[in-house]
Amino acid sequence: QAERDALLIPADAVLHYGQLQAVKVVEEGRLHTRHVRTGKQYGDKVEVLSGLRGGETILADSGLVL
């Protein structure tokens, strides 16, 4: 099984709307809600399986996360 680089974000950045999960993404100085699919949790971080690319800026309870 090939290992892949997991995209990990703070678990408190994930918003829950019933069964849906989303994050707030900062694009061109504006906040957008983007649905994501998460995987395993590692401590206070959670793996993002889809919906987010590395290098994007998101909003978490602790502030902006790059």
C-alpha atoms as a PDB file:
ATOM      1  CA  GLN A   1       0.000   0.000   0.000  1.00  0.00           C
ATOM      2  CA  ALA A   2       1.497   3.317  -1.069  1.00  0.00           C
ATOM      3  CA  GLU A   3       1.544   6.030   1.552  1.00  0.00           C
ATOM      4  CA  ARG A   4       0.236   9.392   0.507  1.00  0.00           C
ATOM      5  CA  ASP A   5       0.602  12.799   2.056  1.00  0.00           C
ATOM      6  CA  ALA A   6      -2.488  13.513   4.102  1.00  0.00           C
ATOM      7  CA  LEU A   7      -3.930  17.025   4.161  1.00  0.00           C
ATOM      8  CA  LEU A   8      -4.415  17.729   7.870  1.00  0.00           C
ATOM      9  CA  ILE A   9      -6.327  20.694   9.245  1.00  0.00           C
ATOM     10  CA  PRO A  10      -7.359  21.652  12.792  1.00  0.00           C
ATOM     11  CA  ALA A  11     -10.431  19.664  13.793  1.00  0.00           C
ATOM     12  CA  ASP A  12     -12.052  22.866  15.119  1.00  0.00           C
ATOM     13  CA  ALA A  13     -12.004  24.287  11.563  1.00  0.00           C
ATOM     14  CA  VAL A  14     -14.590  21.728  10.418  1.00  0.00           C
ATOM     15  CA  LEU A  15     -18.188  22.896  10.629  1.00  0.00           C
ATOM     16  CA  HIS A  16     -20.947  20.321  10.963  1.00  0.00           C
ATOM     17  CA  TYR A  17     -24.360  20.779   9.336  1.00  0.00           C
ATOM     18  CA  GLY A  18     -26.189  17.568  10.142  1.00  0.00           C
ATOM     19  CA  GLN A  19     -24.363  14.913   8.129  1.00  0.00           C
ATOM     20  CA  LEU A  20     -22.476  17.508   6.044  1.00  0.00           C
ATOM     21  CA  GLN A  21     -19.046  18.897   6.857  1.00  0.00           C
ATOM     22  CA  ALA A  22     -17.638  22.191   5.629  1.00  0.00           C
ATOM     23  CA  VAL A  23     -14.800  24.628   6.153  1.00  0.00           C
ATOM     24  CA  LYS A  24     -14.559  28.393   5.647  1.00  0.00           C
ATOM     25  CA  VAL A  25     -12.057  29.072   2.853  1.00  0.00           C
ATOM     26  CA  VAL A  26     -10.519  32.507   2.295  1.00  0.00           C
ATOM     27  CA  GLU A  27     -10.421  33.368  -1.420  1.00  0.00           C
ATOM     28  CA  GLU A  28      -9.539  36.846  -2.686  1.00  0.00           C
ATOM     29  CA  GLY A  29     -10.144  38.311   0.760  1.00  0.00           C
ATOM     30  CA  ARG A  30     -13.623  36.812   1.095  1.00  0.00           C
ATOM     31  CA  LEU A  31     -14.903  33.857   3.118  1.00  0.00           C
ATOM     32  CA  HIS A  32     -16.609  31.010   1.288  1.00  0.00           C
ATOM     33  CA  THR A  33     -18.141  27.859   2.749  1.00  0.00           C
ATOM     34  CA  ARG A  34     -16.795  24.717   1.097  1.00  0.00           C
ATOM     35  CA  HIS A  35     -18.080  21.208   1.728  1.00  0.00           C
ATOM     36  CA  VAL A  36     -15.365  18.693   2.579  1.00  0.00           C
ATOM     37  CA  ARG A  37     -15.101  15.008   3.360  1.00  0.00           C
ATOM     38  CA  THR A  38     -12.903  14.097   6.308  1.00  0.00           C
ATOM     39  CA  GLY A  39     -11.130  10.907   7.272  1.00  0.00           C
ATOM     40  CA  LYS A  40      -9.122   9.923  10.303  1.00  0.00           C
ATOM     41  CA  GLN A  41      -8.464  12.237  13.214  1.00  0.00           C
ATOM     42  CA  TYR A  42      -4.945  12.599  14.597  1.00  0.00           C
ATOM     43  CA  GLY A  43      -5.090  14.398  17.935  1.00  0.00           C
ATOM     44  CA  ASP A  44      -6.441  17.888  17.264  1.00  0.00           C
ATOM     45  CA  LYS A  45      -6.009  17.508  13.479  1.00  0.00           C
ATOM     46  CA  VAL A  46      -8.300  15.823  10.986  1.00  0.00           C
ATOM     47  CA  GLU A  47      -7.509  14.453   7.529  1.00  0.00           C
ATOM     48  CA  VAL A  48      -9.322  16.036   4.574  1.00  0.00           C
ATOM     49  CA  LEU A  49     -10.132  13.461   1.876  1.00  0.00           C
ATOM     50  CA  SER A  50     -11.810  15.799  -0.603  1.00  0.00           C
ATOM     51  CA  GLY A  51     -12.970  19.382  -1.065  1.00  0.00           C
ATOM     52  CA  LEU A  52      -9.754  21.168  -0.128  1.00  0.00           C
ATOM     53  CA  ARG A  53      -6.334  21.525  -1.711  1.00  0.00           C
ATOM     54  CA  GLY A  54      -3.023  22.042   0.021  1.00  0.00           C
ATOM     55  CA  GLY A  55      -2.019  25.703   0.202  1.00  0.00           C
ATOM     56  CA  GLU A  56      -5.551  27.061   0.585  1.00  0.00           C
ATOM     57  CA  THR A  57      -6.267  29.318   3.562  1.00  0.00           C
ATOM     58  CA  ILE A  58      -9.059  28.311   5.914  1.00  0.00           C
ATOM     59  CA  LEU A  59     -10.622  29.862   8.988  1.00  0.00           C
ATOM     60  CA  ALA A  60     -10.455  27.981  12.282  1.00  0.00           C
ATOM     61  CA  ASP A  61     -11.510  28.944  15.801  1.00  0.00           C
ATOM     62  CA  SER A  62      -7.888  29.883  16.446  1.00  0.00           C
ATOM     63  CA  GLY A  63      -7.724  32.175  13.399  1.00  0.00           C
ATOM     64  CA  LEU A  64      -6.454  31.777   9.854  1.00  0.00           C
ATOM     65  CA  VAL A  65      -4.691  28.525   8.992  1.00  0.00           C
ATOM     66  CA  LEU A  66      -2.446  28.371   5.935  1.00  0.00           C
END
